[in-house]
Structures are given as structure tokens and as C-alpha cells.
């Protein structure tokens, strides 16, 4: 079928070889952009059978972004995020005490590659979703502060949130060093208030604000109420102190 350019029929047959023929052999035959529909069909079958490696899942996601299939992007991300292991502990970089890196090893899912792929394709909100779940702090803050206009309120909320979700102080220190100049220039009063409480360890003043609690600090991909609540808490606690 393939030699006769009957690609749909060929792919139907190749799908029956899954588990017997190396996926790379089939994938290489259908990497032509004109055969993207056939390639998607094969990669989806691999994924459904649980035999897709992260390279196959990344390629499938790339295909979805090429054909602008938002529903399939959401489906694949939901499947990957629900089955991938939780993020590993934040690790110190060998030569830096202010690293923001996170190790998230998986044989089927690579958060860093997924975030880059989605962001480059213009699917920023989906990329932010992955960054939030896997504590990819640099990616999350970079994307929020690269928006037009920059999402300064959400970035400040997230930096404060880091004090509660990460076990290593150098993660928080790295975020302040990396983004502090921009945040100070954009929101000097709010940034100073956040920085003051982070430096003094005065987190309870935020938790005592109406609406406080664990969910109070949870950032969202589009900012919104959680960011506004956190910043309102900062300013109100500043006023009474």
C-alpha cells in the first residue's frame, strides 16, 4: 500500500503492527507534512495502547499544534498530566545556590519540553498549566511577565506562593533576584510589601487575612481573584502593622 501511495490503507495496516514493529520505523515513513493525518492516527494508537515514549507524545502534541486542534491538545495534556509522576523535589544546581530548576523525570512525559513546545506554538495558557503542576518556576514567571501587559500581580502572588510550596529558600531567592528589578519598577509598593514579609518570615499576617488559607496562595494561569486576594492581603496587613 505504501509503495503505491495508498497511505491511508498503509497506515491502517501499520496500526496493526504496534507492539511488533519498532515505532520509529513507521514514524520515519510518515514524517512528511502532507502525511500528518496518518502520523497522528498512528501516534494516537501508540498512546492509547500505553506504548508511546515521551518522544512520541511530544511529536503527537506538536502535530496537534500544527493543525490547531485545541480539543485534542486538551485531551492529550489531560491524559499526560494525570498519568505522569508528580514533580520531583527541587534540586540544587551544582554551581549555583539560587537555581530555580526542577527535576521531573518520566519515560512518557517531559514537562520542560512540553512547556517549550506549547509556548512556541502560541498555546501559552496550556504551557502555564503544565508549569504550575510541575513547579517549573522560571518558565511560569517568564511566561506571565512576557505577556502584554505583563501579569505583575500574578507574578508577585506566585513569588509569595513559593515560600509555601518549595522546601529550599534558594528557589525563592532566585526568583526575587531574577525578576525583582522588573517587579519593583512595575509595582514598587506591592513588591516592597511582598519582599518585606518574605525577608522577615511574616507569612502568618497573610494567612490571617479574610479568605486566607492554603487555597489563598494558589496561583492560576490567568491571574484573577487569587492574585488580587493575595495582594489585597499584603496591603491590608501593611496598613495595620
Protein backbone atom coordinates (compact mmCIF):
# COMPACT_ATOMS: atom_id res chain seq x y z
CA UNK A 1 0.00 0.00 0.00
CA UNK A 2 2.75 2.46 0.96
CA UNK A 3 4.71 1.86 -2.25
CA UNK A 4 1.54 2.51 -4.24
CA UNK A 5 0.96 5.82 -2.39
CA UNK A 6 -2.13 4.39 -0.70
CA UNK A 7 -1.16 5.99 2.57
CA UNK A 8 -4.46 5.68 4.42
CA UNK A 9 -4.60 1.94 3.75
CA UNK A 10 -0.92 1.60 4.64
CA UNK A 11 -1.43 3.31 7.96
CA UNK A 12 -4.40 1.10 8.79
CA UNK A 13 -2.10 -1.87 8.36
CA UNK A 14 0.79 -0.31 10.28
CA UNK A 15 -1.52 0.28 13.26
CA UNK A 16 -1.95 -3.50 13.47
CA UNK A 17 1.82 -3.90 13.80
CA UNK A 18 2.03 -1.89 17.03
CA UNK A 19 3.88 -3.99 19.58
CA UNK A 20 5.69 -5.92 16.84
CA UNK A 21 7.33 -3.33 14.59
CA UNK A 22 9.53 -0.58 16.04
CA UNK A 23 7.51 2.69 16.11
CA UNK A 24 10.49 4.62 14.77
CA UNK A 25 10.29 2.64 11.51
CA UNK A 26 6.69 3.70 10.93
CA UNK A 27 7.11 7.26 12.16
CA UNK A 28 10.00 7.92 9.79
CA UNK A 29 7.85 6.89 6.83
CA UNK A 30 5.16 9.44 7.68
CA UNK A 31 7.14 12.49 8.78
CA UNK A 32 6.22 14.29 5.57
CA UNK A 33 3.93 17.28 6.44
CA UNK A 34 1.44 16.01 3.85
CA UNK A 35 1.08 12.79 5.83
CA UNK A 36 0.40 14.46 9.19
CA UNK A 37 -3.11 12.97 9.44
CA UNK A 38 -1.73 9.47 9.01
CA UNK A 39 1.04 10.15 11.53
CA UNK A 40 -1.47 11.44 14.08
CA UNK A 41 -3.53 8.28 13.68
CA UNK A 42 -0.51 6.07 14.42
CA UNK A 43 0.72 8.15 17.36
CA UNK A 44 -2.76 8.18 18.90
CA UNK A 45 -2.89 4.39 18.68
CA UNK A 46 0.53 4.18 20.35
CA UNK A 47 -0.66 6.45 23.14
CA UNK A 48 -3.93 4.57 23.63
CA UNK A 49 -2.04 1.28 23.96
CA UNK A 50 0.35 2.78 26.50
CA UNK A 51 3.35 2.19 24.24
CA UNK A 52 4.20 5.80 23.40
CA UNK A 53 7.51 7.11 24.72
CA UNK A 54 7.86 10.79 25.54
CA UNK A 55 9.31 11.42 22.07
CA UNK A 56 6.11 10.04 20.54
CA UNK A 57 3.89 12.07 22.87
CA UNK A 58 5.87 15.23 22.12
CA UNK A 59 5.55 14.57 18.40
CA UNK A 60 1.82 13.98 18.74
CA UNK A 61 1.44 17.23 20.67
CA UNK A 62 3.48 19.04 18.00
CA UNK A 63 1.16 17.65 15.32
CA UNK A 64 -1.89 18.88 17.22
CA UNK A 65 -0.41 22.37 17.48
CA UNK A 66 0.36 22.35 13.74
CA UNK A 67 -3.22 21.52 12.82
CA UNK A 68 -4.60 23.77 15.59
CA UNK A 69 -6.68 21.03 17.18
CA UNK A 70 -7.37 22.62 20.55
CA UNK A 71 -9.65 19.80 21.73
CA UNK A 72 -7.00 17.15 21.07
CA UNK A 73 -4.33 19.28 22.78
CA UNK A 74 -6.50 19.44 25.89
CA UNK A 75 -7.21 15.70 25.71
CA UNK A 76 -3.54 14.75 25.40
CA UNK A 77 -2.40 17.10 28.16
CA UNK A 78 -5.11 15.82 30.47
CA UNK A 79 -4.02 12.25 29.80
CA UNK A 80 -0.31 13.01 30.28
CA UNK A 81 -0.77 15.13 33.40
CA UNK A 82 -2.96 12.53 35.07
CA UNK A 83 -0.61 9.63 34.37
CA UNK A 84 2.80 11.26 34.77
CA UNK A 85 4.54 11.06 38.16
CA UNK A 86 4.35 14.09 40.47
CA UNK A 87 7.19 16.61 40.28
CA UNK A 88 10.40 15.54 41.97
CA UNK A 89 11.95 17.58 44.75
CA UNK A 90 13.57 20.80 43.73
CA UNK A 91 17.28 20.19 43.31
CA UNK A 92 20.19 22.50 43.81
CA UNK A 93 22.30 23.23 40.73
CA UNK A 94 25.92 22.16 41.14
CA UNK A 95 27.36 25.63 40.76
CA UNK A 96 24.52 27.88 41.90
CA UNK A 97 22.76 28.42 45.19
CA UNK A 98 19.87 30.26 43.52
CA UNK A 99 18.78 27.73 40.92
CA UNK A 100 15.10 27.59 40.00
CA UNK A 101 15.43 24.22 38.28
CA UNK A 102 13.17 21.28 38.97
CA UNK A 103 13.73 17.65 38.07
CA UNK A 104 10.62 15.92 36.69
CA UNK A 105 11.75 12.63 35.21
CA UNK A 106 9.31 10.46 33.30
CA UNK A 107 9.65 7.98 30.48
CA UNK A 108 6.44 9.25 28.86
CA UNK A 109 6.33 12.94 29.66
CA UNK A 110 8.89 15.75 29.78
CA UNK A 111 7.40 18.91 31.34
CA UNK A 112 10.19 21.20 30.15
CA UNK A 113 9.93 20.09 26.53
CA UNK A 114 6.15 20.24 26.67
CA UNK A 115 6.17 23.79 28.04
CA UNK A 116 8.62 24.93 25.36
CA UNK A 117 6.64 23.27 22.58
CA UNK A 118 3.33 24.77 23.71
CA UNK A 119 4.75 28.21 24.37
CA UNK A 120 6.49 28.39 20.98
CA UNK A 121 3.27 27.34 19.26
CA UNK A 122 1.30 30.10 20.97
CA UNK A 123 -0.50 27.87 23.50
CA UNK A 124 0.67 29.87 26.49
CA UNK A 125 -2.23 29.05 28.79
CA UNK A 126 -1.70 25.32 28.27
CA UNK A 127 2.02 25.78 28.89
CA UNK A 128 1.26 27.64 32.12
CA UNK A 129 -0.94 24.76 33.24
CA UNK A 130 1.97 22.34 32.89
CA UNK A 131 4.41 24.78 34.54
CA UNK A 132 2.12 25.17 37.54
CA UNK A 133 1.69 21.45 38.12
CA UNK A 134 5.39 20.64 37.76
CA UNK A 135 6.76 23.64 39.66
CA UNK A 136 8.66 24.95 36.64
CA UNK A 137 9.06 28.33 38.30
CA UNK A 138 11.27 30.04 35.73
CA UNK A 139 9.01 29.01 32.85
CA UNK A 140 5.87 30.10 34.70
CA UNK A 141 7.19 33.52 35.69
CA UNK A 142 8.84 34.12 32.32
CA UNK A 143 5.57 33.47 30.51
CA UNK A 144 3.48 35.59 32.85
CA UNK A 145 5.90 38.51 32.70
CA UNK A 146 6.29 38.21 28.92
CA UNK A 147 2.59 38.76 28.32
CA UNK A 148 1.34 42.12 27.09
CA UNK A 149 0.81 43.64 29.53
CA UNK A 150 3.00 41.67 31.98
CA UNK A 151 0.97 39.83 34.62
CA UNK A 152 2.77 41.52 37.50
CA UNK A 153 0.07 40.85 40.10
CA UNK A 154 0.11 37.14 39.38
CA UNK A 155 3.91 37.05 39.38
CA UNK A 156 4.00 38.67 42.81
CA UNK A 157 1.39 36.22 44.04
CA UNK A 158 3.42 33.31 42.70
CA UNK A 159 6.66 34.51 44.28
CA UNK A 160 4.92 34.70 47.66
CA UNK A 161 3.39 31.28 46.96
CA UNK A 162 6.89 29.83 46.51
CA UNK A 163 7.56 30.39 50.20
CA UNK A 164 4.92 27.75 50.98
CA UNK A 165 5.41 25.14 48.27
CA UNK A 166 9.18 24.80 47.97
CA UNK A 167 11.46 23.40 50.66
CA UNK A 168 14.58 25.31 49.64
CA UNK A 169 15.00 29.06 50.30
CA UNK A 170 17.34 29.47 47.32
CA UNK A 171 14.38 28.87 44.98
CA UNK A 172 12.61 31.91 46.37
CA UNK A 173 15.84 33.89 46.47
CA UNK A 174 16.50 33.07 42.82
CA UNK A 175 13.04 34.26 41.79
CA UNK A 176 13.47 37.58 43.59
CA UNK A 177 16.91 38.11 42.07
CA UNK A 178 15.75 37.22 38.57
CA UNK A 179 12.55 39.26 38.46
CA UNK A 180 12.95 41.80 41.25
CA UNK A 181 14.02 44.73 39.06
CA UNK A 182 11.00 44.40 36.76
CA UNK A 183 8.58 43.92 39.64
CA UNK A 184 9.98 46.85 41.60
CA UNK A 185 9.71 49.09 38.57
CA UNK A 186 6.13 47.97 37.82
CA UNK A 187 4.65 47.73 41.33
CA UNK A 188 7.09 49.26 43.83
CA UNK A 189 4.69 49.31 46.80
CA UNK A 190 3.39 45.77 46.34
CA UNK A 191 6.80 44.30 45.62
CA UNK A 192 8.29 46.00 48.67
CA UNK A 193 5.46 44.63 50.80
CA UNK A 194 5.97 41.10 49.46
CA UNK A 195 9.73 41.34 49.91
CA UNK A 196 9.41 42.64 53.46
CA UNK A 197 7.31 39.68 54.54
CA UNK A 198 9.48 37.17 52.73
CA UNK A 199 12.63 38.56 54.36
CA UNK A 200 11.11 38.62 57.84
CA UNK A 201 9.22 35.33 57.50
CA UNK A 202 5.97 37.12 58.35
CA UNK A 203 3.69 34.75 56.44
CA UNK A 204 1.03 34.44 59.13
CA UNK A 205 -0.10 38.01 58.54
CA UNK A 206 -1.28 36.89 55.13
CA UNK A 207 -2.98 33.76 56.40
CA UNK A 208 -4.93 35.84 58.91
CA UNK A 209 -6.40 37.96 56.13
CA UNK A 210 -10.06 37.15 55.23
CA UNK A 211 -10.03 34.50 52.57
CA UNK A 212 -6.66 33.19 53.72
CA UNK A 213 -5.64 29.57 53.88
CA UNK A 214 -3.99 27.04 51.60
CA UNK A 215 -6.07 27.95 48.55
CA UNK A 216 -5.45 31.63 49.17
CA UNK A 217 -1.98 31.38 47.68
CA UNK A 218 -2.82 29.09 44.78
CA UNK A 219 -1.94 30.95 41.56
CA UNK A 220 -3.90 30.49 38.35
CA UNK A 221 -2.79 30.59 34.75
CA UNK A 222 -4.68 33.82 34.14
CA UNK A 223 -4.17 35.56 37.48
CA UNK A 224 -7.55 36.81 38.63
CA UNK A 225 -9.13 36.55 42.05
CA UNK A 226 -6.40 34.56 43.81
CA UNK A 227 -3.70 37.09 42.87
CA UNK A 228 -5.91 40.04 43.80
CA UNK A 229 -6.77 38.45 47.14
CA UNK A 230 -3.13 37.85 48.00
CA UNK A 231 -2.10 41.39 47.14
CA UNK A 232 -5.07 42.84 49.00
CA UNK A 233 -3.91 40.82 52.00
CA UNK A 234 -0.43 42.23 51.71
CA UNK A 235 -1.63 45.81 51.61
CA UNK A 236 -4.19 45.42 54.38
CA UNK A 237 -1.69 43.76 56.71
CA UNK A 238 0.76 46.51 55.86
CA UNK A 239 -1.80 49.13 56.83
CA UNK A 240 -2.47 47.67 60.27
CA UNK A 241 1.17 46.92 61.09
